[in-house]
Amino acid sequence: MDASTTDLHPDYGPSGNAKQPYGIPWQIVTPSQPLVHVTFTYESESDPGPYPLSSSTPIENGSDRHAIMVNPSTCALYELWDTYYYSGGRSTAGSGAIWSLTSNALRPAGWTSADAGGLPILPGLVNYDEVSSGSMDHAIRFTAECTDQAYAWPARHEAGQDDGKCPPMGTRFRLASSFSLPVSECSAMCQTVITTMKVYGMILADNGSNWFFQGTADSRWTYDEVDQLKQIPASDFVAVNESCLRVSTNSGEAYQPGTEGYKRSCG
């Protein structure tokens, strides 16, 4: 992944158009939102729906065209890739997944989602509200140009090539605890992201540019808040073997430090 010569790149932030900032948009929907049928390219690996997709659903700019919707009343997360909304039941997408936010269940083995790694997208995004609060308690989604024909827990799908030098989907990389940036070059928002990368790391979720990590499309991001994070060298990350944290092959639940399960499995 060219780690020795590459710095991290936040794949979100101001675009020059306040109405269309860079990043992946998402939308909260209500139970009254009509549900529509979506026709999928990868139908056999997609949840049939229906989905709360409409003409007002924000769709990511660029080739991926992700659409993400959350219904808090039902604790359901809907995610689509390569999304095109058309009225009259003609909407299409490359693939789609519906996640229960009350469950740790993963996709069936070998299934994609709206992401090549078969993972949910929204939980891995750098979120403005979390960062501004000073605490972001989850791993961050990122991409690499080259991925292997394999996947590691918690990923469920690969979209790579037969090359052992490339990491498998789902690999977690963590920032070295010794890395630091002075406050003069890295504000409180920047420091929060760095702390997250040290504690929770980043998970390889899709093919794309090396060491690009994704965040929400939000007009509140400033150029400084984004540009300060471009000072983090990829060479300061290490791959993490987290196999002992796995509670179950088909679950994203992880043993937490200090628990009996953690002591038994990880020593």
C-alpha atoms as a PDB file:
ATOM      1  CA  MET A   1       0.000   0.000   0.000  1.00  0.00           C
ATOM      2  CA  ASP A   2       3.026   2.284  -0.470  1.00  0.00           C
ATOM      3  CA  ALA A   3       3.038   2.975   3.266  1.00  0.00           C
ATOM      4  CA  SER A   4       6.644   4.165   3.314  1.00  0.00           C
ATOM      5  CA  THR A   5       5.905   7.038   0.928  1.00  0.00           C
ATOM      6  CA  THR A   6       2.241   7.837   1.666  1.00  0.00           C
ATOM      7  CA  ASP A   7       0.491  10.057   4.196  1.00  0.00           C
ATOM      8  CA  LEU A   8      -3.138   9.533   5.167  1.00  0.00           C
ATOM      9  CA  HIS A   9      -5.793  11.348   3.157  1.00  0.00           C
ATOM     10  CA  PRO A  10      -9.180  12.332   4.647  1.00  0.00           C
ATOM     11  CA  ASP A  11     -11.693  11.567   1.898  1.00  0.00           C
ATOM     12  CA  TYR A  12     -14.206  14.149   3.118  1.00  0.00           C
ATOM     13  CA  GLY A  13     -14.438  17.859   3.845  1.00  0.00           C
ATOM     14  CA  PRO A  14     -15.124  21.172   2.071  1.00  0.00           C
ATOM     15  CA  SER A  15     -15.479  21.058  -1.708  1.00  0.00           C
ATOM     16  CA  GLY A  16     -15.897  24.744  -2.417  1.00  0.00           C
ATOM     17  CA  ASN A  17     -19.651  24.164  -2.651  1.00  0.00           C
ATOM     18  CA  ALA A  18     -21.289  24.298   0.784  1.00  0.00           C
ATOM     19  CA  LYS A  19     -24.288  22.351  -0.548  1.00  0.00           C
ATOM     20  CA  GLN A  20     -22.138  19.452  -1.774  1.00  0.00           C
ATOM     21  CA  PRO A  21     -19.224  18.807   0.623  1.00  0.00           C
ATOM     22  CA  TYR A  22     -16.943  15.835   0.021  1.00  0.00           C
ATOM     23  CA  GLY A  23     -17.764  12.669   1.935  1.00  0.00           C
ATOM     24  CA  ILE A  24     -20.519  10.086   2.224  1.00  0.00           C
ATOM     25  CA  PRO A  25     -23.967  11.538   2.998  1.00  0.00           C
ATOM     26  CA  TRP A  26     -26.625   9.829   5.079  1.00  0.00           C
ATOM     27  CA  GLN A  27     -30.197  10.492   6.059  1.00  0.00           C
ATOM     28  CA  ILE A  28     -32.494   9.843   9.007  1.00  0.00           C
ATOM     29  CA  VAL A  29     -35.901   8.587   7.883  1.00  0.00           C
ATOM     30  CA  THR A  30     -39.175   8.218   9.755  1.00  0.00           C
ATOM     31  CA  PRO A  31     -41.553   5.241   9.826  1.00  0.00           C
ATOM     32  CA  SER A  32     -43.861   7.179   7.486  1.00  0.00           C
ATOM     33  CA  GLN A  33     -41.223   7.202   4.728  1.00  0.00           C
ATOM     34  CA  PRO A  34     -42.551   5.062   1.834  1.00  0.00           C
ATOM     35  CA  LEU A  35     -40.504   1.959   1.031  1.00  0.00           C
ATOM     36  CA  VAL A  36     -39.619   1.133  -2.568  1.00  0.00           C
ATOM     37  CA  HIS A  37     -38.435  -1.918  -4.456  1.00  0.00           C
ATOM     38  CA  VAL A  38     -34.842  -1.820  -5.726  1.00  0.00           C
ATOM     39  CA  THR A  39     -33.451  -4.008  -8.527  1.00  0.00           C
ATOM     40  CA  PHE A  40     -29.871  -5.166  -7.845  1.00  0.00           C
ATOM     41  CA  THR A  41     -26.967  -6.090 -10.090  1.00  0.00           C
ATOM     42  CA  TYR A  42     -25.722  -8.480  -7.374  1.00  0.00           C
ATOM     43  CA  GLU A  43     -29.181  -9.671  -6.402  1.00  0.00           C
ATOM     44  CA  SER A  44     -28.094 -12.981  -4.844  1.00  0.00           C
ATOM     45  CA  GLU A  45     -25.937 -11.165  -2.242  1.00  0.00           C
ATOM     46  CA  SER A  46     -28.293  -8.256  -1.568  1.00  0.00           C
ATOM     47  CA  ASP A  47     -31.114  -7.908   0.949  1.00  0.00           C
ATOM     48  CA  PRO A  48     -34.302  -7.598  -1.112  1.00  0.00           C
ATOM     49  CA  GLY A  49     -35.741  -4.735   0.921  1.00  0.00           C
ATOM     50  CA  PRO A  50     -37.819  -2.685   0.326  1.00  0.00           C
ATOM     51  CA  TYR A  51     -35.757   0.426   1.076  1.00  0.00           C
ATOM     52  CA  PRO A  52     -36.740   3.964   2.236  1.00  0.00           C
ATOM     53  CA  LEU A  53     -35.250   5.447  -0.941  1.00  0.00           C
ATOM     54  CA  SER A  54     -36.771   8.590  -2.439  1.00  0.00           C
ATOM     55  CA  SER A  55     -36.030  11.596  -4.605  1.00  0.00           C
ATOM     56  CA  SER A  56     -34.814  13.411  -1.455  1.00  0.00           C
ATOM     57  CA  THR A  57     -32.311  10.708  -0.464  1.00  0.00           C
ATOM     58  CA  PRO A  58     -28.765  12.133  -0.646  1.00  0.00           C
ATOM     59  CA  ILE A  59     -26.547  10.048  -2.920  1.00  0.00           C
ATOM     60  CA  GLU A  60     -22.751  10.190  -2.746  1.00  0.00           C
ATOM     61  CA  ASN A  61     -21.049  12.062  -5.547  1.00  0.00           C
ATOM     62  CA  GLY A  62     -18.580  10.067  -7.614  1.00  0.00           C
ATOM     63  CA  SER A  63     -18.594   6.541  -8.961  1.00  0.00           C
ATOM     64  CA  ASP A  64     -19.684   4.687  -5.798  1.00  0.00           C
ATOM     65  CA  ARG A  65     -23.018   6.501  -5.415  1.00  0.00           C
ATOM     66  CA  HIS A  66     -23.670   5.211  -1.886  1.00  0.00           C
ATOM     67  CA  ALA A  67     -27.048   5.931  -0.306  1.00  0.00           C
ATOM     68  CA  ILE A  68     -27.384   5.479   3.463  1.00  0.00           C
ATOM     69  CA  MET A  69     -30.599   5.748   5.462  1.00  0.00           C
ATOM     70  CA  VAL A  70     -31.269   5.165   9.166  1.00  0.00           C
ATOM     71  CA  ASN A  71     -34.684   4.572  10.739  1.00  0.00           C
ATOM     72  CA  PRO A  72     -34.254   5.198  14.503  1.00  0.00           C
ATOM     73  CA  SER A  73     -37.739   3.882  15.263  1.00  0.00           C
ATOM     74  CA  THR A  74     -36.887   0.418  13.973  1.00  0.00           C
ATOM     75  CA  CYS A  75     -33.111   0.616  14.584  1.00  0.00           C
ATOM     76  CA  ALA A  76     -32.546  -0.282  10.929  1.00  0.00           C
ATOM     77  CA  LEU A  77     -29.646   0.857   8.762  1.00  0.00           C
ATOM     78  CA  TYR A  78     -30.174   0.715   4.984  1.00  0.00           C
ATOM     79  CA  GLU A  79     -27.158   0.988   2.680  1.00  0.00           C
ATOM     80  CA  LEU A  80     -26.976   0.916  -1.124  1.00  0.00           C
ATOM     81  CA  TRP A  81     -24.130   1.027  -3.635  1.00  0.00           C
ATOM     82  CA  ASP A  82     -24.336   2.413  -7.195  1.00  0.00           C
ATOM     83  CA  THR A  83     -27.736   3.863  -6.408  1.00  0.00           C
ATOM     84  CA  TYR A  84     -30.193   5.315  -8.927  1.00  0.00           C
ATOM     85  CA  TYR A  85     -33.630   6.409  -7.800  1.00  0.00           C
ATOM     86  CA  TYR A  86     -36.457   6.364 -10.327  1.00  0.00           C
ATOM     87  CA  SER A  87     -40.124   6.749  -9.526  1.00  0.00           C
ATOM     88  CA  GLY A  88     -42.592   4.055 -10.427  1.00  0.00           C
ATOM     89  CA  GLY A  89     -40.663   1.132  -8.947  1.00  0.00           C
ATOM     90  CA  ARG A  90     -37.703   1.343 -11.327  1.00  0.00           C
ATOM     91  CA  SER A  91     -34.910   2.199  -8.832  1.00  0.00           C
ATOM     92  CA  THR A  92     -31.665   0.269  -9.206  1.00  0.00           C
ATOM     93  CA  ALA A  93     -28.453  -0.362  -7.241  1.00  0.00           C
ATOM     94  CA  GLY A  94     -25.397  -2.537  -7.557  1.00  0.00           C
ATOM     95  CA  SER A  95     -25.931  -4.103  -4.131  1.00  0.00           C
ATOM     96  CA  GLY A  96     -27.713  -3.392  -0.874  1.00  0.00           C
ATOM     97  CA  ALA A  97     -27.723  -4.403   2.777  1.00  0.00           C
ATOM     98  CA  ILE A  98     -30.130  -3.874   5.662  1.00  0.00           C
ATOM     99  CA  TRP A  99     -28.536  -3.943   9.115  1.00  0.00           C
ATOM    100  CA  SER A 100     -30.273  -4.328  12.471  1.00  0.00           C
ATOM    101  CA  LEU A 101     -28.612  -1.903  14.867  1.00  0.00           C
ATOM    102  CA  THR A 102     -29.661  -4.090  17.790  1.00  0.00           C
ATOM    103  CA  SER A 103     -27.631  -7.053  16.499  1.00  0.00           C
ATOM    104  CA  ASN A 104     -23.957  -7.934  15.999  1.00  0.00           C
ATOM    105  CA  ALA A 105     -24.770 -10.369  13.168  1.00  0.00           C
ATOM    106  CA  LEU A 106     -22.501 -10.205  10.129  1.00  0.00           C
ATOM    107  CA  ARG A 107     -23.418 -10.798   6.493  1.00  0.00           C
ATOM    108  CA  PRO A 108     -23.508 -14.427   5.337  1.00  0.00           C
ATOM    109  CA  ALA A 109     -19.988 -15.635   4.531  1.00  0.00           C
ATOM    110  CA  GLY A 110     -18.985 -14.526   1.043  1.00  0.00           C
ATOM    111  CA  TRP A 111     -21.691 -11.867   0.735  1.00  0.00           C
ATOM    112  CA  THR A 112     -20.961  -8.292  -0.212  1.00  0.00           C
ATOM    113  CA  SER A 113     -22.887  -5.359   1.288  1.00  0.00           C
ATOM    114  CA  ALA A 114     -22.861  -1.813  -0.045  1.00  0.00           C
ATOM    115  CA  ASP A 115     -19.101  -2.114   0.519  1.00  0.00           C
ATOM    116  CA  ALA A 116     -16.643  -4.529  -1.077  1.00  0.00           C
ATOM    117  CA  GLY A 117     -15.651  -5.913   2.341  1.00  0.00           C
ATOM    118  CA  GLY A 118     -19.226  -6.850   3.242  1.00  0.00           C
ATOM    119  CA  LEU A 119     -19.186  -4.410   6.169  1.00  0.00           C
ATOM    120  CA  PRO A 120     -21.576  -1.609   7.125  1.00  0.00           C
ATOM    121  CA  ILE A 121     -20.391   1.822   5.973  1.00  0.00           C
ATOM    122  CA  LEU A 122     -21.970   4.347   8.354  1.00  0.00           C
ATOM    123  CA  PRO A 123     -20.422   2.999  11.603  1.00  0.00           C
ATOM    124  CA  GLY A 124     -16.936   3.397  10.116  1.00  0.00           C
ATOM    125  CA  LEU A 125     -17.208   7.015   8.995  1.00  0.00           C
ATOM    126  CA  VAL A 126     -15.517   9.941  10.707  1.00  0.00           C
ATOM    127  CA  ASN A 127     -18.580  11.784  11.996  1.00  0.00           C
ATOM    128  CA  TYR A 128     -18.494  15.523  12.723  1.00  0.00           C
ATOM    129  CA  ASP A 129     -20.671  15.334  15.842  1.00  0.00           C
ATOM    130  CA  GLU A 130     -18.536  12.572  17.357  1.00  0.00           C
ATOM    131  CA  VAL A 131     -15.244  14.297  16.578  1.00  0.00           C
ATOM    132  CA  SER A 132     -16.414  17.671  17.898  1.00  0.00           C
ATOM    133  CA  SER A 133     -17.544  15.976  21.136  1.00  0.00           C
ATOM    134  CA  GLY A 134     -13.953  14.837  21.718  1.00  0.00           C
ATOM    135  CA  SER A 135     -14.752  11.109  21.579  1.00  0.00           C
ATOM    136  CA  MET A 136     -15.097   8.735  18.641  1.00  0.00           C
ATOM    137  CA  ASP A 137     -15.333   5.148  19.861  1.00  0.00           C
ATOM    138  CA  HIS A 138     -15.080   3.050  16.708  1.00  0.00           C
ATOM    139  CA  ALA A 139     -12.673   2.045  13.969  1.00  0.00           C
ATOM    140  CA  ILE A 140     -12.505   4.124  10.800  1.00  0.00           C
ATOM    141  CA  ARG A 141     -13.185   2.821   7.292  1.00  0.00           C
ATOM    142  CA  PHE A 142     -10.363   3.167   4.726  1.00  0.00           C
ATOM    143  CA  THR A 143      -9.349   1.963   1.267  1.00  0.00           C
ATOM    144  CA  ALA A 144      -6.362   0.494  -0.567  1.00  0.00           C
ATOM    145  CA  GLU A 145      -5.556   0.116  -4.260  1.00  0.00           C
ATOM    146  CA  CYS A 146      -4.549  -3.535  -3.921  1.00  0.00           C
ATOM    147  CA  THR A 147      -6.425  -6.116  -1.841  1.00  0.00           C
ATOM    148  CA  ASP A 148      -5.951  -9.871  -1.694  1.00  0.00           C
ATOM    149  CA  GLN A 149      -8.487 -12.510  -2.723  1.00  0.00           C
ATOM    150  CA  ALA A 150      -9.286 -13.066   0.942  1.00  0.00           C
ATOM    151  CA  TYR A 151     -11.081 -11.458   3.847  1.00  0.00           C
ATOM    152  CA  ALA A 152     -10.426 -11.357   7.582  1.00  0.00           C
ATOM    153  CA  TRP A 153     -12.983 -11.053  10.379  1.00  0.00           C
ATOM    154  CA  PRO A 154     -15.153  -9.024  10.589  1.00  0.00           C
ATOM    155  CA  ALA A 155     -15.223  -8.622   6.779  1.00  0.00           C
ATOM    156  CA  ARG A 156     -17.276 -11.157   4.804  1.00  0.00           C
ATOM    157  CA  HIS A 157     -16.341 -10.527   1.189  1.00  0.00           C
ATOM    158  CA  GLU A 158     -13.288  -9.961  -1.007  1.00  0.00           C
ATOM    159  CA  ALA A 159     -12.897  -8.104  -4.281  1.00  0.00           C
ATOM    160  CA  GLY A 160      -9.160  -8.400  -4.828  1.00  0.00           C
ATOM    161  CA  GLN A 161      -6.446 -10.207  -6.733  1.00  0.00           C
ATOM    162  CA  ASP A 162      -4.328 -13.274  -6.078  1.00  0.00           C
ATOM    163  CA  ASP A 163      -1.410 -11.424  -4.510  1.00  0.00           C
ATOM    164  CA  GLY A 164      -0.229 -12.208  -0.997  1.00  0.00           C
ATOM    165  CA  LYS A 165       1.528  -8.844  -0.780  1.00  0.00           C
ATOM    166  CA  CYS A 166      -1.907  -7.175  -0.715  1.00  0.00           C
ATOM    167  CA  PRO A 167      -3.874  -7.115   2.559  1.00  0.00           C
ATOM    168  CA  PRO A 168      -7.205  -8.939   2.836  1.00  0.00           C
ATOM    169  CA  MET A 169     -10.427  -7.036   3.327  1.00  0.00           C
ATOM    170  CA  GLY A 170     -11.187  -6.483   7.002  1.00  0.00           C
ATOM    171  CA  THR A 171      -7.570  -6.072   8.086  1.00  0.00           C
ATOM    172  CA  ARG A 172      -7.248  -3.623  10.964  1.00  0.00           C
ATOM    173  CA  PHE A 173      -4.335  -1.192  11.149  1.00  0.00           C
ATOM    174  CA  ARG A 174      -3.594   0.791  14.286  1.00  0.00           C
ATOM    175  CA  LEU A 175      -1.588   3.992  14.673  1.00  0.00           C
ATOM    176  CA  ALA A 176       1.509   3.661  16.853  1.00  0.00           C
ATOM    177  CA  SER A 177       0.987   4.972  20.377  1.00  0.00           C
ATOM    178  CA  SER A 178       4.250   6.908  20.099  1.00  0.00           C
ATOM    179  CA  PHE A 179       2.984   9.069  17.228  1.00  0.00           C
ATOM    180  CA  SER A 180       2.044  12.638  18.053  1.00  0.00           C
ATOM    181  CA  LEU A 181       1.474  16.022  16.486  1.00  0.00           C
ATOM    182  CA  PRO A 182       1.856  19.315  18.383  1.00  0.00           C
ATOM    183  CA  VAL A 183      -1.325  21.186  19.254  1.00  0.00           C
ATOM    184  CA  SER A 184      -0.095  24.057  17.103  1.00  0.00           C
ATOM    185  CA  GLU A 185      -0.361  21.773  14.049  1.00  0.00           C
ATOM    186  CA  CYS A 186      -3.242  19.575  15.177  1.00  0.00           C
ATOM    187  CA  SER A 187      -6.314  21.088  16.834  1.00  0.00           C
ATOM    188  CA  ALA A 188      -8.621  19.335  19.293  1.00  0.00           C
ATOM    189  CA  MET A 189     -10.656  17.860  16.408  1.00  0.00           C
ATOM    190  CA  CYS A 190      -7.475  16.511  14.825  1.00  0.00           C
ATOM    191  CA  GLN A 191      -6.253  15.088  18.136  1.00  0.00           C
ATOM    192  CA  THR A 192      -9.567  13.232  18.596  1.00  0.00           C
ATOM    193  CA  VAL A 193      -9.150  11.461  15.252  1.00  0.00           C
ATOM    194  CA  ILE A 194      -5.548  10.565  16.073  1.00  0.00           C
ATOM    195  CA  THR A 195      -6.604   9.105  19.427  1.00  0.00           C
ATOM    196  CA  THR A 196      -9.278   7.043  17.661  1.00  0.00           C
ATOM    197  CA  MET A 197      -6.682   5.681  15.235  1.00  0.00           C
ATOM    198  CA  LYS A 198      -4.475   4.646  18.162  1.00  0.00           C
ATOM    199  CA  VAL A 199      -7.244   2.951  20.151  1.00  0.00           C
ATOM    200  CA  TYR A 200      -9.600   1.522  17.503  1.00  0.00           C
ATOM    201  CA  GLY A 201      -7.521   1.802  14.336  1.00  0.00           C
ATOM    202  CA  MET A 202      -8.750   1.667  10.766  1.00  0.00           C
ATOM    203  CA  ILE A 203     -10.387  -1.251   8.940  1.00  0.00           C
ATOM    204  CA  LEU A 204      -9.788  -1.961   5.260  1.00  0.00           C
ATOM    205  CA  ALA A 205     -13.299  -1.940   3.796  1.00  0.00           C
ATOM    206  CA  ASP A 206     -13.057  -1.223   0.071  1.00  0.00           C
ATOM    207  CA  ASN A 207     -10.827  -0.851  -2.962  1.00  0.00           C
ATOM    208  CA  GLY A 208      -9.738   2.698  -3.706  1.00  0.00           C
ATOM    209  CA  SER A 209      -6.816   5.067  -3.276  1.00  0.00           C
ATOM    210  CA  ASN A 210      -4.190   3.992  -0.754  1.00  0.00           C
ATOM    211  CA  TRP A 211      -4.760   5.204   2.807  1.00  0.00           C
ATOM    212  CA  PHE A 212      -7.848   7.289   2.027  1.00  0.00           C
ATOM    213  CA  PHE A 213     -10.183   7.233   5.031  1.00  0.00           C
ATOM    214  CA  GLN A 214     -13.815   8.246   4.808  1.00  0.00           C
ATOM    215  CA  GLY A 215     -16.075  10.601   6.714  1.00  0.00           C
ATOM    216  CA  THR A 216     -19.580  12.004   6.540  1.00  0.00           C
ATOM    217  CA  ALA A 217     -20.473  14.697   4.039  1.00  0.00           C
ATOM    218  CA  ASP A 218     -20.996  17.655   6.361  1.00  0.00           C
ATOM    219  CA  SER A 219     -20.817  21.368   5.555  1.00  0.00           C
ATOM    220  CA  ARG A 220     -19.367  22.066   9.013  1.00  0.00           C
ATOM    221  CA  TRP A 221     -15.953  20.541   8.240  1.00  0.00           C
ATOM    222  CA  THR A 222     -13.282  23.216   7.747  1.00  0.00           C
ATOM    223  CA  TYR A 223     -10.211  23.036   5.537  1.00  0.00           C
ATOM    224  CA  ASP A 224      -7.928  23.142   8.602  1.00  0.00           C
ATOM    225  CA  GLU A 225      -9.743  20.267  10.329  1.00  0.00           C
ATOM    226  CA  VAL A 226      -9.232  18.115   7.252  1.00  0.00           C
ATOM    227  CA  ASP A 227      -5.787  19.263   6.116  1.00  0.00           C
ATOM    228  CA  GLN A 228      -4.203  18.762   9.555  1.00  0.00           C
ATOM    229  CA  LEU A 229      -4.892  15.022   9.257  1.00  0.00           C
ATOM    230  CA  LYS A 230      -2.804  14.811   6.087  1.00  0.00           C
ATOM    231  CA  GLN A 231       0.329  14.908   8.272  1.00  0.00           C
ATOM    232  CA  ILE A 232      -0.086  11.306   9.486  1.00  0.00           C
ATOM    233  CA  PRO A 233       2.366   8.919   7.780  1.00  0.00           C
ATOM    234  CA  ALA A 234       0.991   5.514   6.814  1.00  0.00           C
ATOM    235  CA  SER A 235       4.320   4.009   7.902  1.00  0.00           C
ATOM    236  CA  ASP A 236       3.321   4.660  11.538  1.00  0.00           C
ATOM    237  CA  PHE A 237       0.518   2.089  11.334  1.00  0.00           C
ATOM    238  CA  VAL A 238       0.850  -1.604  12.173  1.00  0.00           C
ATOM    239  CA  ALA A 239      -1.439  -4.494  11.229  1.00  0.00           C
ATOM    240  CA  VAL A 240      -3.303  -5.987  14.191  1.00  0.00           C
ATOM    241  CA  ASN A 241      -3.986  -9.685  14.692  1.00  0.00           C
ATOM    242  CA  GLU A 242      -7.377  -9.535  16.362  1.00  0.00           C
ATOM    243  CA  SER A 243      -8.391 -13.182  15.949  1.00  0.00           C
ATOM    244  CA  CYS A 244      -8.512 -13.763  19.703  1.00  0.00           C
ATOM    245  CA  LEU A 245     -11.078 -10.961  20.083  1.00  0.00           C
ATOM    246  CA  ARG A 246     -13.650 -12.797  17.966  1.00  0.00           C
ATOM    247  CA  VAL A 247     -16.572 -14.101  20.006  1.00  0.00           C
ATOM    248  CA  SER A 248     -18.166 -15.917  17.067  1.00  0.00           C
ATOM    249  CA  THR A 249     -17.354 -16.306  13.374  1.00  0.00           C
ATOM    250  CA  ASN A 250     -20.747 -14.956  12.350  1.00  0.00           C
ATOM    251  CA  SER A 251     -20.831 -12.052  14.793  1.00  0.00           C
ATOM    252  CA  GLY A 252     -19.054  -8.716  14.889  1.00  0.00           C
ATOM    253  CA  GLU A 253     -19.020  -8.806  18.690  1.00  0.00           C
ATOM    254  CA  ALA A 254     -15.534  -8.615  20.227  1.00  0.00           C
ATOM    255  CA  TYR A 255     -14.241  -9.606  23.648  1.00  0.00           C
ATOM    256  CA  GLN A 256     -13.519  -6.498  25.688  1.00  0.00           C
ATOM    257  CA  PRO A 257     -10.299  -6.107  27.714  1.00  0.00           C
ATOM    258  CA  GLY A 258     -10.732  -7.096  31.347  1.00  0.00           C
ATOM    259  CA  THR A 259     -13.608  -9.519  30.731  1.00  0.00           C
ATOM    260  CA  GLU A 260     -13.359 -13.252  31.368  1.00  0.00           C
ATOM    261  CA  GLY A 261     -13.819 -13.977  27.671  1.00  0.00           C
ATOM    262  CA  TYR A 262     -10.887 -11.713  26.814  1.00  0.00           C
ATOM    263  CA  LYS A 263      -8.650 -13.302  29.446  1.00  0.00           C
ATOM    264  CA  ARG A 264      -9.588 -16.789  28.283  1.00  0.00           C
ATOM    265  CA  SER A 265      -9.118 -16.110  24.578  1.00  0.00           C
ATOM    266  CA  CYS A 266      -6.333 -13.520  24.466  1.00  0.00           C
ATOM    267  CA  GLY A 267      -4.406 -14.344  27.649  1.00  0.00           C
END
